[in-house]
Structures are given as C-alpha cells and as structure tokens.
Amino acid sequence: MRTTIAGWLLSSLMLLTLGTAVSGCSTIEGAGKDIEKAGEAIRDAARNAGS
C-alpha cells in the first residue's frame, strides 16, 4: 500500500512541476521580447544622440 501511495504522490509532484515549468516558458519568452525592445530603444537613442 505504501508504494502505491508514494508512487502516486511522486507522480503528482512531477506533473505539478512539469506544469509549472511549461507555463513559465511563455512568461520568459514575453520577458525576452520586452528586453529586446528596450535594447532597441536604447540603441536608437544612442544613435540619435551621436548625430
């Protein structure tokens, strides 16, 4: 009985961890896009200041 319960708990924990990791990917992708846009804005401001 203990192995069944332990296996069920381990499987549940792994599934929860996987779900959290997958949902975090879209958040990281969005942050990357925001950082890229900020970098472009800084680059453009530097070009305009140097002209």
PDB file of N, CA and C in Angstrom:
ATOM      1  N   MET A   1       0.828  -1.202   0.000  1.00  0.00           N
ATOM      2  CA  MET A   1       0.000   0.000   0.000  1.00  0.00           C
ATOM      3  C   MET A   1       0.870   1.264   0.000  1.00  0.00           C
ATOM      4  N   ARG A   2       1.964   1.260   0.755  1.00  0.00           N
ATOM      5  CA  ARG A   2       2.815   2.445   0.822  1.00  0.00           C
ATOM      6  C   ARG A   2       3.445   2.766  -0.526  1.00  0.00           C
ATOM      7  N   THR A   3       3.867   1.751  -1.249  1.00  0.00           N
ATOM      8  CA  THR A   3       4.485   2.017  -2.549  1.00  0.00           C
ATOM      9  C   THR A   3       3.487   2.638  -3.499  1.00  0.00           C
ATOM     10  N   THR A   4       2.268   2.251  -3.449  1.00  0.00           N
ATOM     11  CA  THR A   4       1.253   2.823  -4.322  1.00  0.00           C
ATOM     12  C   THR A   4       1.017   4.290  -3.978  1.00  0.00           C
ATOM     13  N   ILE A   5       0.901   4.583  -2.707  1.00  0.00           N
ATOM     14  CA  ILE A   5       0.682   5.970  -2.275  1.00  0.00           C
ATOM     15  C   ILE A   5       1.918   6.812  -2.581  1.00  0.00           C
ATOM     16  N   ALA A   6       3.105   6.288  -2.307  1.00  0.00           N
ATOM     17  CA  ALA A   6       4.337   7.026  -2.578  1.00  0.00           C
ATOM     18  C   ALA A   6       4.485   7.266  -4.084  1.00  0.00           C
ATOM     19  N   GLY A   7       4.173   6.256  -4.877  1.00  0.00           N
ATOM     20  CA  GLY A   7       4.246   6.417  -6.333  1.00  0.00           C
ATOM     21  C   GLY A   7       3.247   7.446  -6.829  1.00  0.00           C
ATOM     22  N   TRP A   8       2.057   7.431  -6.270  1.00  0.00           N
ATOM     23  CA  TRP A   8       1.032   8.397  -6.666  1.00  0.00           C
ATOM     24  C   TRP A   8       1.456   9.820  -6.296  1.00  0.00           C
ATOM     25  N   LEU A   9       2.004   9.984  -5.092  1.00  0.00           N
ATOM     26  CA  LEU A   9       2.466  11.306  -4.663  1.00  0.00           C
ATOM     27  C   LEU A   9       3.635  11.793  -5.521  1.00  0.00           C
ATOM     28  N   LEU A  10       4.564  10.902  -5.838  1.00  0.00           N
ATOM     29  CA  LEU A  10       5.699  11.277  -6.674  1.00  0.00           C
ATOM     30  C   LEU A  10       5.236  11.665  -8.073  1.00  0.00           C
ATOM     31  N   SER A  11       4.317  10.910  -8.629  1.00  0.00           N
ATOM     32  CA  SER A  11       3.785  11.229  -9.957  1.00  0.00           C
ATOM     33  C   SER A  11       3.062  12.570  -9.951  1.00  0.00           C
ATOM     34  N   SER A  12       2.301  12.827  -8.908  1.00  0.00           N
ATOM     35  CA  SER A  12       1.588  14.103  -8.798  1.00  0.00           C
ATOM     36  C   SER A  12       2.557  15.264  -8.693  1.00  0.00           C
ATOM     37  N   LEU A  13       3.605  15.082  -7.912  1.00  0.00           N
ATOM     38  CA  LEU A  13       4.609  16.133  -7.746  1.00  0.00           C
ATOM     39  C   LEU A  13       5.326  16.401  -9.070  1.00  0.00           C
ATOM     40  N   MET A  14       5.662  15.360  -9.800  1.00  0.00           N
ATOM     41  CA  MET A  14       6.331  15.527 -11.092  1.00  0.00           C
ATOM     42  C   MET A  14       5.415  16.229 -12.091  1.00  0.00           C
ATOM     43  N   LEU A  15       4.161  15.884 -12.102  1.00  0.00           N
ATOM     44  CA  LEU A  15       3.198  16.517 -13.008  1.00  0.00           C
ATOM     45  C   LEU A  15       3.021  17.992 -12.670  1.00  0.00           C
ATOM     46  N   LEU A  16       2.951  18.309 -11.401  1.00  0.00           N
ATOM     47  CA  LEU A  16       2.827  19.701 -10.963  1.00  0.00           C
ATOM     48  C   LEU A  16       4.067  20.505 -11.360  1.00  0.00           C
ATOM     49  N   THR A  17       5.232  19.919 -11.178  1.00  0.00           N
ATOM     50  CA  THR A  17       6.481  20.590 -11.548  1.00  0.00           C
ATOM     51  C   THR A  17       6.548  20.823 -13.051  1.00  0.00           C
ATOM     52  N   LEU A  18       6.178  19.831 -13.826  1.00  0.00           N
ATOM     53  CA  LEU A  18       6.179  19.956 -15.283  1.00  0.00           C
ATOM     54  C   LEU A  18       5.199  21.038 -15.736  1.00  0.00           C
ATOM     55  N   GLY A  19       4.034  21.067 -15.148  1.00  0.00           N
ATOM     56  CA  GLY A  19       3.038  22.086 -15.489  1.00  0.00           C
ATOM     57  C   GLY A  19       3.526  23.491 -15.180  1.00  0.00           C
ATOM     58  N   THR A  20       4.199  23.642 -14.064  1.00  0.00           N
ATOM     59  CA  THR A  20       4.747  24.944 -13.693  1.00  0.00           C
ATOM     60  C   THR A  20       5.846  25.364 -14.660  1.00  0.00           C
ATOM     61  N   ALA A  21       6.698  24.427 -15.034  1.00  0.00           N
ATOM     62  CA  ALA A  21       7.794  24.738 -15.959  1.00  0.00           C
ATOM     63  C   ALA A  21       7.260  25.133 -17.330  1.00  0.00           C
ATOM     64  N   VAL A  22       6.253  24.425 -17.813  1.00  0.00           N
ATOM     65  CA  VAL A  22       5.687  24.729 -19.124  1.00  0.00           C
ATOM     66  C   VAL A  22       5.000  26.092 -19.124  1.00  0.00           C
ATOM     67  N   SER A  23       4.293  26.414 -18.071  1.00  0.00           N
ATOM     68  CA  SER A  23       3.615  27.711 -18.017  1.00  0.00           C
ATOM     69  C   SER A  23       4.616  28.850 -17.863  1.00  0.00           C
ATOM     70  N   GLY A  24       5.761  28.589 -17.280  1.00  0.00           N
ATOM     71  CA  GLY A  24       6.787  29.602 -17.128  1.00  0.00           C
ATOM     72  C   GLY A  24       7.481  29.949 -18.429  1.00  0.00           C
ATOM     73  N   CYS A  25       7.468  29.050 -19.395  1.00  0.00           N
ATOM     74  CA  CYS A  25       8.142  29.300 -20.671  1.00  0.00           C
ATOM     75  C   CYS A  25       7.554  30.509 -21.387  1.00  0.00           C
ATOM     76  N   SER A  26       6.256  30.630 -21.398  1.00  0.00           N
ATOM     77  CA  SER A  26       5.649  31.762 -22.092  1.00  0.00           C
ATOM     78  C   SER A  26       5.981  33.076 -21.378  1.00  0.00           C
ATOM     79  N   THR A  27       6.105  33.020 -20.077  1.00  0.00           N
ATOM     80  CA  THR A  27       6.470  34.207 -19.319  1.00  0.00           C
ATOM     81  C   THR A  27       7.890  34.641 -19.659  1.00  0.00           C
ATOM     82  N   ILE A  28       8.799  33.696 -19.734  1.00  0.00           N
ATOM     83  CA  ILE A  28      10.187  34.000 -20.058  1.00  0.00           C
ATOM     84  C   ILE A  28      10.300  34.517 -21.488  1.00  0.00           C
ATOM     85  N   GLU A  29       9.532  33.938 -22.399  1.00  0.00           N
ATOM     86  CA  GLU A  29       9.544  34.398 -23.787  1.00  0.00           C
ATOM     87  C   GLU A  29       9.063  35.844 -23.871  1.00  0.00           C
ATOM     88  N   GLY A  30       8.018  36.169 -23.162  1.00  0.00           N
ATOM     89  CA  GLY A  30       7.498  37.535 -23.147  1.00  0.00           C
ATOM     90  C   GLY A  30       8.502  38.512 -22.553  1.00  0.00           C
ATOM     91  N   ALA A  31       9.189  38.090 -21.501  1.00  0.00           N
ATOM     92  CA  ALA A  31      10.208  38.953 -20.893  1.00  0.00           C
ATOM     93  C   ALA A  31      11.352  39.176 -21.869  1.00  0.00           C
ATOM     94  N   GLY A  32      11.713  38.152 -22.610  1.00  0.00           N
ATOM     95  CA  GLY A  32      12.778  38.295 -23.602  1.00  0.00           C
ATOM     96  C   GLY A  32      12.423  39.302 -24.680  1.00  0.00           C
ATOM     97  N   LYS A  33      11.174  39.275 -25.113  1.00  0.00           N
ATOM     98  CA  LYS A  33      10.724  40.238 -26.124  1.00  0.00           C
ATOM     99  C   LYS A  33      10.756  41.661 -25.575  1.00  0.00           C
ATOM    100  N   ASP A  34      10.347  41.828 -24.325  1.00  0.00           N
ATOM    101  CA  ASP A  34      10.372  43.157 -23.702  1.00  0.00           C
ATOM    102  C   ASP A  34      11.802  43.685 -23.579  1.00  0.00           C
ATOM    103  N   ILE A  35      12.717  42.804 -23.186  1.00  0.00           N
ATOM    104  CA  ILE A  35      14.120  43.210 -23.052  1.00  0.00           C
ATOM    105  C   ILE A  35      14.696  43.575 -24.413  1.00  0.00           C
ATOM    106  N   GLU A  36      14.327  42.824 -25.435  1.00  0.00           N
ATOM    107  CA  GLU A  36      14.799  43.120 -26.792  1.00  0.00           C
ATOM    108  C   GLU A  36      14.307  44.494 -27.251  1.00  0.00           C
ATOM    109  N   LYS A  37      13.047  44.803 -26.997  1.00  0.00           N
ATOM    110  CA  LYS A  37      12.501  46.109 -27.379  1.00  0.00           C
ATOM    111  C   LYS A  37      13.192  47.239 -26.620  1.00  0.00           C
ATOM    112  N   ALA A  38      13.489  47.016 -25.345  1.00  0.00           N
ATOM    113  CA  ALA A  38      14.187  48.027 -24.552  1.00  0.00           C
ATOM    114  C   ALA A  38      15.592  48.256 -25.111  1.00  0.00           C
ATOM    115  N   GLY A  39      16.254  47.187 -25.504  1.00  0.00           N
ATOM    116  CA  GLY A  39      17.585  47.301 -26.099  1.00  0.00           C
ATOM    117  C   GLY A  39      17.558  48.079 -27.400  1.00  0.00           C
ATOM    118  N   GLU A  40      16.538  47.840 -28.207  1.00  0.00           N
ATOM    119  CA  GLU A  40      16.396  48.576 -29.469  1.00  0.00           C
ATOM    120  C   GLU A  40      16.169  50.065 -29.205  1.00  0.00           C
ATOM    121  N   ALA A  41      15.370  50.372 -28.194  1.00  0.00           N
ATOM    122  CA  ALA A  41      15.104  51.772 -27.861  1.00  0.00           C
ATOM    123  C   ALA A  41      16.377  52.470 -27.385  1.00  0.00           C
ATOM    124  N   ILE A  42      17.181  51.777 -26.593  1.00  0.00           N
ATOM    125  CA  ILE A  42      18.441  52.353 -26.122  1.00  0.00           C
ATOM    126  C   ILE A  42      19.396  52.563 -27.300  1.00  0.00           C
ATOM    127  N   ARG A  43      19.448  51.590 -28.194  1.00  0.00           N
ATOM    128  CA  ARG A  43      20.312  51.700 -29.372  1.00  0.00           C
ATOM    129  C   ARG A  43      19.903  52.902 -30.232  1.00  0.00           C
ATOM    130  N   ASP A  44      18.601  53.046 -30.452  1.00  0.00           N
ATOM    131  CA  ASP A  44      18.108  54.161 -31.262  1.00  0.00           C
ATOM    132  C   ASP A  44      18.397  55.505 -30.587  1.00  0.00           C
ATOM    133  N   ALA A  45      18.239  55.554 -29.267  1.00  0.00           N
ATOM    134  CA  ALA A  45      18.519  56.800 -28.546  1.00  0.00           C
ATOM    135  C   ALA A  45      20.001  57.146 -28.628  1.00  0.00           C
ATOM    136  N   ALA A  46      20.864  56.142 -28.566  1.00  0.00           N
ATOM    137  CA  ALA A  46      22.306  56.383 -28.656  1.00  0.00           C
ATOM    138  C   ALA A  46      22.670  56.882 -30.057  1.00  0.00           C
ATOM    139  N   ARG A  47      22.044  56.305 -31.075  1.00  0.00           N
ATOM    140  CA  ARG A  47      22.313  56.751 -32.449  1.00  0.00           C
ATOM    141  C   ARG A  47      21.865  58.203 -32.645  1.00  0.00           C
ATOM    142  N   ASN A  48      20.702  58.554 -32.112  1.00  0.00           N
ATOM    143  CA  ASN A  48      20.189  59.904 -32.252  1.00  0.00           C
ATOM    144  C   ASN A  48      21.027  60.903 -31.466  1.00  0.00           C
ATOM    145  N   ALA A  49      21.573  60.516 -30.351  1.00  0.00           N
ATOM    146  CA  ALA A  49      22.393  61.409 -29.535  1.00  0.00           C
ATOM    147  C   ALA A  49      23.757  61.657 -30.195  1.00  0.00           C
ATOM    148  N   GLY A  50      24.250  60.661 -30.928  1.00  0.00           N
ATOM    149  CA  GLY A  50      25.537  60.797 -31.580  1.00  0.00           C
ATOM    150  C   GLY A  50      25.491  61.586 -32.869  1.00  0.00           C
ATOM    151  N   SER A  51      24.308  61.816 -33.400  1.00  0.00           N
ATOM    152  CA  SER A  51      24.189  62.502 -34.688  1.00  0.00           C
ATOM    153  C   SER A  51      24.288  63.992 -34.572  1.00  0.00           C
TER     154      SER A  51
END
